[in-house]
Amino acid sequence: MKKLSLLIPWFFLVAAGPALAEVPDQQPVKRELQLIHVFEGQEPEFLLAIGQSGFKTVAALKEHLRSWAPGSELRWAPGCLRFGKEPLLSSERDMQAFRKFLEERKIKFVLVPSG
């Protein structure tokens, strides 16, 4: 019976090994959000970027932020230059919904107002 008890923990470690490796690192991060203006075509387009990752929509940005650990921080200093239709900045309702999303995820949001 003792040999069987030694094999069971080893079996679970082997079986759980790959699954454990697929779990993303859940350490809090501190990142900066940027708003990129794209001037190709009739009207400017916008990308929300964190590091080297860009997001065309707030929904795509939120999907990325779902992987962040609680306690993470997102800082944003969007500046004061506006063209209209900027994501989050052009709608108080959208900004409030974004803040609520981050609050629910326990991600600190630091919005640096432009002057």
N, C-alpha and C. Protein backbone atom coordinates (compact mmCIF):
# COMPACT_ATOMS: atom_id res chain seq x y z
N MET A 1 0.81 -1.18 0.00
CA MET A 1 0.00 0.00 0.00
C MET A 1 0.86 1.26 0.00
N LYS A 2 2.03 1.23 0.65
CA LYS A 2 2.89 2.40 0.68
C LYS A 2 3.39 2.76 -0.71
N LYS A 3 3.72 1.77 -1.53
CA LYS A 3 4.20 2.08 -2.88
C LYS A 3 3.14 2.82 -3.68
N LEU A 4 1.88 2.44 -3.52
CA LEU A 4 0.80 3.10 -4.24
C LEU A 4 0.68 4.55 -3.80
N SER A 5 0.82 4.81 -2.52
CA SER A 5 0.70 6.18 -2.03
C SER A 5 1.86 7.05 -2.56
N LEU A 6 3.03 6.45 -2.80
CA LEU A 6 4.13 7.21 -3.37
C LEU A 6 3.90 7.50 -4.85
N LEU A 7 3.23 6.62 -5.53
CA LEU A 7 2.98 6.81 -6.95
C LEU A 7 1.89 7.84 -7.21
N ILE A 8 0.92 7.92 -6.36
CA ILE A 8 -0.18 8.85 -6.58
C ILE A 8 0.29 10.30 -6.62
N PRO A 9 1.07 10.77 -5.64
CA PRO A 9 1.53 12.16 -5.73
C PRO A 9 2.37 12.39 -6.99
N TRP A 10 3.23 11.45 -7.35
CA TRP A 10 4.05 11.61 -8.55
C TRP A 10 3.16 11.71 -9.79
N PHE A 11 2.12 10.86 -9.87
CA PHE A 11 1.21 10.87 -11.01
C PHE A 11 0.51 12.22 -11.12
N PHE A 12 0.04 12.75 -9.99
CA PHE A 12 -0.66 14.04 -10.02
C PHE A 12 0.28 15.16 -10.44
N LEU A 13 1.53 15.11 -10.02
CA LEU A 13 2.48 16.13 -10.44
C LEU A 13 2.71 16.09 -11.94
N VAL A 14 2.84 14.90 -12.49
CA VAL A 14 3.06 14.75 -13.93
C VAL A 14 1.81 15.19 -14.69
N ALA A 15 0.64 14.76 -14.24
CA ALA A 15 -0.60 15.10 -14.93
C ALA A 15 -0.89 16.59 -14.82
N ALA A 16 -0.56 17.21 -13.69
CA ALA A 16 -0.86 18.61 -13.49
C ALA A 16 0.22 19.53 -14.05
N GLY A 17 1.38 18.98 -14.36
CA GLY A 17 2.49 19.79 -14.83
C GLY A 17 2.15 20.70 -16.00
N PRO A 18 1.69 20.19 -17.13
CA PRO A 18 1.40 21.06 -18.26
C PRO A 18 0.30 22.07 -17.96
N ALA A 19 -0.71 21.69 -17.22
CA ALA A 19 -1.80 22.61 -16.91
C ALA A 19 -1.28 23.76 -16.04
N LEU A 20 -0.39 23.47 -15.10
CA LEU A 20 0.16 24.51 -14.27
C LEU A 20 1.03 25.46 -15.08
N ALA A 21 1.73 24.94 -16.08
CA ALA A 21 2.58 25.78 -16.90
C ALA A 21 1.76 26.75 -17.75
N GLU A 22 0.51 26.41 -18.04
CA GLU A 22 -0.33 27.26 -18.87
C GLU A 22 -0.99 28.39 -18.08
N VAL A 23 -0.93 28.36 -16.77
CA VAL A 23 -1.53 29.42 -15.95
C VAL A 23 -0.65 30.65 -16.06
N PRO A 24 -1.21 31.80 -16.48
CA PRO A 24 -0.38 33.00 -16.61
C PRO A 24 0.10 33.50 -15.26
N ASP A 25 1.23 34.18 -15.28
CA ASP A 25 1.78 34.76 -14.07
C ASP A 25 0.79 35.80 -13.53
N GLN A 26 0.40 35.67 -12.30
CA GLN A 26 -0.62 36.54 -11.73
C GLN A 26 -0.02 37.58 -10.80
N GLN A 27 1.16 38.09 -11.13
CA GLN A 27 1.76 39.15 -10.35
C GLN A 27 1.20 40.49 -10.84
N PRO A 28 0.88 41.41 -9.93
CA PRO A 28 0.41 42.73 -10.36
C PRO A 28 1.45 43.42 -11.24
N VAL A 29 0.96 44.18 -12.20
CA VAL A 29 1.83 44.92 -13.11
C VAL A 29 1.48 46.40 -13.03
N LYS A 30 2.38 47.21 -13.50
CA LYS A 30 2.16 48.66 -13.56
C LYS A 30 2.51 49.08 -14.99
N ARG A 31 1.51 49.54 -15.73
CA ARG A 31 1.71 49.85 -17.14
C ARG A 31 1.11 51.22 -17.48
N GLU A 32 1.55 51.75 -18.61
CA GLU A 32 1.09 53.04 -19.12
C GLU A 32 0.24 52.81 -20.36
N LEU A 33 -0.92 53.46 -20.41
CA LEU A 33 -1.81 53.41 -21.57
C LEU A 33 -1.52 54.64 -22.42
N GLN A 34 -1.48 54.43 -23.73
CA GLN A 34 -1.26 55.54 -24.66
C GLN A 34 -2.37 55.54 -25.70
N LEU A 35 -2.69 56.73 -26.19
CA LEU A 35 -3.65 56.88 -27.27
C LEU A 35 -2.85 57.27 -28.51
N ILE A 36 -2.87 56.40 -29.51
CA ILE A 36 -2.12 56.63 -30.75
C ILE A 36 -3.08 57.16 -31.81
N HIS A 37 -2.71 58.26 -32.45
CA HIS A 37 -3.51 58.85 -33.52
C HIS A 37 -2.97 58.31 -34.85
N VAL A 38 -3.84 57.78 -35.70
CA VAL A 38 -3.45 57.27 -37.00
C VAL A 38 -4.06 58.20 -38.05
N PHE A 39 -3.20 58.88 -38.81
CA PHE A 39 -3.66 59.85 -39.80
C PHE A 39 -3.52 59.29 -41.21
N GLU A 40 -4.32 58.30 -41.51
CA GLU A 40 -4.41 57.75 -42.87
C GLU A 40 -5.88 57.76 -43.23
N GLY A 41 -6.22 58.34 -44.33
CA GLY A 41 -7.62 58.38 -44.71
C GLY A 41 -8.25 59.71 -44.36
N GLN A 42 -9.57 59.76 -44.48
CA GLN A 42 -10.32 61.00 -44.30
C GLN A 42 -10.32 61.51 -42.85
N GLU A 43 -10.53 60.61 -41.92
CA GLU A 43 -10.61 60.99 -40.50
C GLU A 43 -9.56 60.24 -39.69
N PRO A 44 -9.08 60.86 -38.63
CA PRO A 44 -8.11 60.14 -37.78
C PRO A 44 -8.74 58.90 -37.15
N GLU A 45 -7.92 57.87 -37.01
CA GLU A 45 -8.31 56.67 -36.28
C GLU A 45 -7.45 56.62 -35.03
N PHE A 46 -7.85 55.78 -34.08
CA PHE A 46 -7.16 55.74 -32.81
C PHE A 46 -6.86 54.31 -32.40
N LEU A 47 -5.71 54.14 -31.78
CA LEU A 47 -5.32 52.87 -31.17
C LEU A 47 -5.03 53.14 -29.71
N LEU A 48 -5.49 52.26 -28.85
CA LEU A 48 -5.11 52.29 -27.44
C LEU A 48 -3.95 51.32 -27.32
N ALA A 49 -2.85 51.76 -26.74
CA ALA A 49 -1.65 50.93 -26.69
C ALA A 49 -1.10 50.83 -25.28
N ILE A 50 -0.64 49.63 -24.97
CA ILE A 50 0.08 49.36 -23.72
C ILE A 50 1.36 48.67 -24.15
N GLY A 51 2.48 49.34 -23.98
CA GLY A 51 3.75 48.79 -24.45
C GLY A 51 3.70 48.62 -25.96
N GLN A 52 4.00 47.43 -26.42
CA GLN A 52 4.01 47.13 -27.85
C GLN A 52 2.71 46.52 -28.33
N SER A 53 1.68 46.51 -27.49
CA SER A 53 0.38 45.92 -27.84
C SER A 53 -0.63 47.03 -28.10
N GLY A 54 -1.31 46.96 -29.25
CA GLY A 54 -2.31 47.95 -29.61
C GLY A 54 -3.70 47.35 -29.69
N PHE A 55 -4.70 48.16 -29.40
CA PHE A 55 -6.09 47.71 -29.38
C PHE A 55 -6.94 48.72 -30.14
N LYS A 56 -7.70 48.24 -31.11
CA LYS A 56 -8.54 49.12 -31.91
C LYS A 56 -9.81 49.53 -31.18
N THR A 57 -10.24 48.75 -30.21
CA THR A 57 -11.48 49.04 -29.51
C THR A 57 -11.27 48.95 -28.00
N VAL A 58 -12.16 49.60 -27.28
CA VAL A 58 -12.14 49.51 -25.82
C VAL A 58 -12.44 48.07 -25.40
N ALA A 59 -13.32 47.40 -26.14
CA ALA A 59 -13.65 46.01 -25.83
C ALA A 59 -12.40 45.12 -25.91
N ALA A 60 -11.57 45.34 -26.92
CA ALA A 60 -10.34 44.55 -27.06
C ALA A 60 -9.37 44.88 -25.92
N LEU A 61 -9.30 46.16 -25.54
CA LEU A 61 -8.45 46.55 -24.41
C LEU A 61 -8.93 45.88 -23.14
N LYS A 62 -10.23 45.88 -22.91
CA LYS A 62 -10.78 45.23 -21.71
C LYS A 62 -10.46 43.74 -21.69
N GLU A 63 -10.55 43.10 -22.84
CA GLU A 63 -10.23 41.67 -22.92
C GLU A 63 -8.79 41.43 -22.47
N HIS A 64 -7.89 42.29 -22.90
CA HIS A 64 -6.49 42.17 -22.47
C HIS A 64 -6.36 42.39 -20.96
N LEU A 65 -7.05 43.40 -20.45
CA LEU A 65 -6.95 43.73 -19.03
C LEU A 65 -7.53 42.65 -18.12
N ARG A 66 -8.39 41.81 -18.66
CA ARG A 66 -8.94 40.69 -17.88
C ARG A 66 -7.84 39.74 -17.40
N SER A 67 -6.72 39.72 -18.09
CA SER A 67 -5.63 38.82 -17.71
C SER A 67 -4.73 39.42 -16.62
N TRP A 68 -4.93 40.69 -16.29
CA TRP A 68 -4.11 41.33 -15.28
C TRP A 68 -4.52 40.90 -13.87
N ALA A 69 -3.55 40.78 -13.03
CA ALA A 69 -3.79 40.40 -11.64
C ALA A 69 -4.39 41.57 -10.86
N PRO A 70 -5.24 41.28 -9.88
CA PRO A 70 -5.70 42.33 -8.98
C PRO A 70 -4.50 43.03 -8.35
N GLY A 71 -4.62 44.32 -8.13
CA GLY A 71 -3.52 45.09 -7.57
C GLY A 71 -2.65 45.74 -8.64
N SER A 72 -2.93 45.45 -9.91
CA SER A 72 -2.19 46.07 -11.01
C SER A 72 -2.59 47.54 -11.12
N GLU A 73 -1.78 48.29 -11.87
CA GLU A 73 -2.05 49.72 -12.05
C GLU A 73 -1.95 50.08 -13.52
N LEU A 74 -2.93 50.84 -14.01
CA LEU A 74 -2.94 51.37 -15.36
C LEU A 74 -2.93 52.88 -15.27
N ARG A 75 -1.89 53.49 -15.82
CA ARG A 75 -1.74 54.96 -15.77
C ARG A 75 -1.97 55.50 -17.17
N TRP A 76 -2.70 56.64 -17.26
CA TRP A 76 -2.98 57.22 -18.56
C TRP A 76 -2.92 58.74 -18.47
N ALA A 77 -2.07 59.33 -19.30
CA ALA A 77 -1.95 60.78 -19.44
C ALA A 77 -2.22 61.12 -20.90
N PRO A 78 -3.50 61.23 -21.29
CA PRO A 78 -3.84 61.35 -22.71
C PRO A 78 -3.53 62.70 -23.34
N GLY A 79 -3.15 63.70 -22.57
CA GLY A 79 -2.87 65.02 -23.13
C GLY A 79 -4.16 65.79 -23.37
N CYS A 80 -4.01 66.98 -23.93
CA CYS A 80 -5.19 67.83 -24.09
C CYS A 80 -5.62 68.02 -25.53
N LEU A 81 -4.86 67.55 -26.50
CA LEU A 81 -5.20 67.68 -27.91
C LEU A 81 -6.30 66.68 -28.27
N ARG A 82 -7.41 67.18 -28.80
CA ARG A 82 -8.55 66.33 -29.16
C ARG A 82 -8.98 66.58 -30.60
N PHE A 83 -9.34 65.51 -31.29
CA PHE A 83 -9.86 65.58 -32.65
C PHE A 83 -11.33 65.21 -32.69
N GLY A 84 -11.82 64.62 -31.60
CA GLY A 84 -13.19 64.12 -31.55
C GLY A 84 -13.19 62.62 -31.83
N LYS A 85 -14.12 61.94 -31.23
CA LYS A 85 -14.29 60.49 -31.39
C LYS A 85 -13.17 59.66 -30.77
N GLU A 86 -12.36 60.26 -29.89
CA GLU A 86 -11.33 59.47 -29.19
C GLU A 86 -12.01 58.48 -28.26
N PRO A 87 -11.54 57.23 -28.25
CA PRO A 87 -12.14 56.26 -27.34
C PRO A 87 -11.99 56.71 -25.88
N LEU A 88 -13.03 56.53 -25.13
CA LEU A 88 -13.13 56.86 -23.70
C LEU A 88 -13.17 58.37 -23.44
N LEU A 89 -12.37 59.14 -24.12
CA LEU A 89 -12.29 60.57 -23.85
C LEU A 89 -13.47 61.36 -24.40
N SER A 90 -14.13 60.82 -25.40
CA SER A 90 -15.24 61.54 -26.04
C SER A 90 -16.59 61.21 -25.42
N SER A 91 -16.61 60.32 -24.43
CA SER A 91 -17.88 59.92 -23.81
C SER A 91 -17.69 59.72 -22.31
N GLU A 92 -18.35 60.56 -21.54
CA GLU A 92 -18.28 60.42 -20.08
C GLU A 92 -18.85 59.07 -19.64
N ARG A 93 -19.91 58.63 -20.32
CA ARG A 93 -20.53 57.35 -19.98
C ARG A 93 -19.55 56.19 -20.23
N ASP A 94 -18.84 56.24 -21.37
CA ASP A 94 -17.87 55.19 -21.67
C ASP A 94 -16.73 55.19 -20.65
N MET A 95 -16.29 56.39 -20.26
CA MET A 95 -15.20 56.49 -19.28
C MET A 95 -15.65 55.93 -17.93
N GLN A 96 -16.88 56.24 -17.52
CA GLN A 96 -17.38 55.72 -16.25
C GLN A 96 -17.49 54.19 -16.29
N ALA A 97 -17.94 53.65 -17.42
CA ALA A 97 -18.04 52.19 -17.57
C ALA A 97 -16.66 51.56 -17.52
N PHE A 98 -15.67 52.21 -18.12
CA PHE A 98 -14.29 51.70 -18.10
C PHE A 98 -13.74 51.72 -16.67
N ARG A 99 -13.97 52.83 -15.97
CA ARG A 99 -13.52 52.92 -14.57
C ARG A 99 -14.16 51.82 -13.71
N LYS A 100 -15.45 51.60 -13.94
CA LYS A 100 -16.16 50.56 -13.17
C LYS A 100 -15.58 49.18 -13.47
N PHE A 101 -15.30 48.91 -14.74
CA PHE A 101 -14.68 47.65 -15.14
C PHE A 101 -13.36 47.44 -14.40
N LEU A 102 -12.51 48.47 -14.38
CA LEU A 102 -11.21 48.36 -13.70
C LEU A 102 -11.39 48.18 -12.20
N GLU A 103 -12.33 48.90 -11.64
CA GLU A 103 -12.60 48.78 -10.20
C GLU A 103 -13.03 47.35 -9.85
N GLU A 104 -13.90 46.78 -10.66
CA GLU A 104 -14.35 45.40 -10.42
C GLU A 104 -13.20 44.41 -10.52
N ARG A 105 -12.24 44.70 -11.40
CA ARG A 105 -11.06 43.83 -11.58
C ARG A 105 -9.98 44.14 -10.55
N LYS A 106 -10.23 45.16 -9.71
CA LYS A 106 -9.27 45.60 -8.68
C LYS A 106 -7.95 46.08 -9.32
N ILE A 107 -8.11 46.78 -10.46
CA ILE A 107 -6.98 47.40 -11.15
C ILE A 107 -7.06 48.90 -10.87
N LYS A 108 -6.00 49.46 -10.33
CA LYS A 108 -5.96 50.89 -10.02
C LYS A 108 -5.82 51.67 -11.33
N PHE A 109 -6.64 52.68 -11.51
CA PHE A 109 -6.61 53.51 -12.70
C PHE A 109 -6.17 54.91 -12.31
N VAL A 110 -5.04 55.37 -12.87
CA VAL A 110 -4.53 56.69 -12.59
C VAL A 110 -4.67 57.51 -13.88
N LEU A 111 -5.64 58.39 -13.92
CA LEU A 111 -5.86 59.27 -15.06
C LEU A 111 -5.22 60.61 -14.74
N VAL A 112 -4.21 60.99 -15.52
CA VAL A 112 -3.52 62.24 -15.31
C VAL A 112 -4.21 63.29 -16.18
N PRO A 113 -4.92 64.22 -15.56
CA PRO A 113 -5.66 65.21 -16.35
C PRO A 113 -4.70 66.12 -17.12
N SER A 114 -5.14 66.49 -18.30
CA SER A 114 -4.32 67.39 -19.11
C SER A 114 -4.54 68.82 -18.64
N GLY A 115 -3.57 69.67 -18.86
CA GLY A 115 -3.66 71.02 -18.37
C GLY A 115 -3.59 72.06 -19.44
